[in-house]
Amino acid sequence: MVAQQKIEGEGAAPAHAHESRVHEHDHYHVSHHHGGGVLGEWKHRTFWHTHGHNHAQIMHSHDYDADEEEAEHAKEAHVHDHTSPEHSPA
């Protein structure tokens, strides 16, 4: 079942929809690494790999233009089921 989506106000880019799709590019993950001790600081650790994965349909607005959105897409962290990344709900 696809969740109903709506936009509460618009950013600089008008509200628009992206259809679901499967594609391949580097896929980033960020984990939190504890430095130890009771008050040990947390550090971000980033790792990446490439595989085909899906994106569910999304409707949204934002304050950057559509060309930038497409050009910067591969730099975003993504969430999906790595046992079946092309069929996950995220």
Foldseek 3Di string as FASTA:
>chain_A
DDDDDDEDDAALFGKDKDAKDKDKDKAKDWDWDFPDDPPGDTDIDMDIDMDIAMDHMDIYHDHDDPVCCVVCVRVDHDDFDVVCRHPGPD
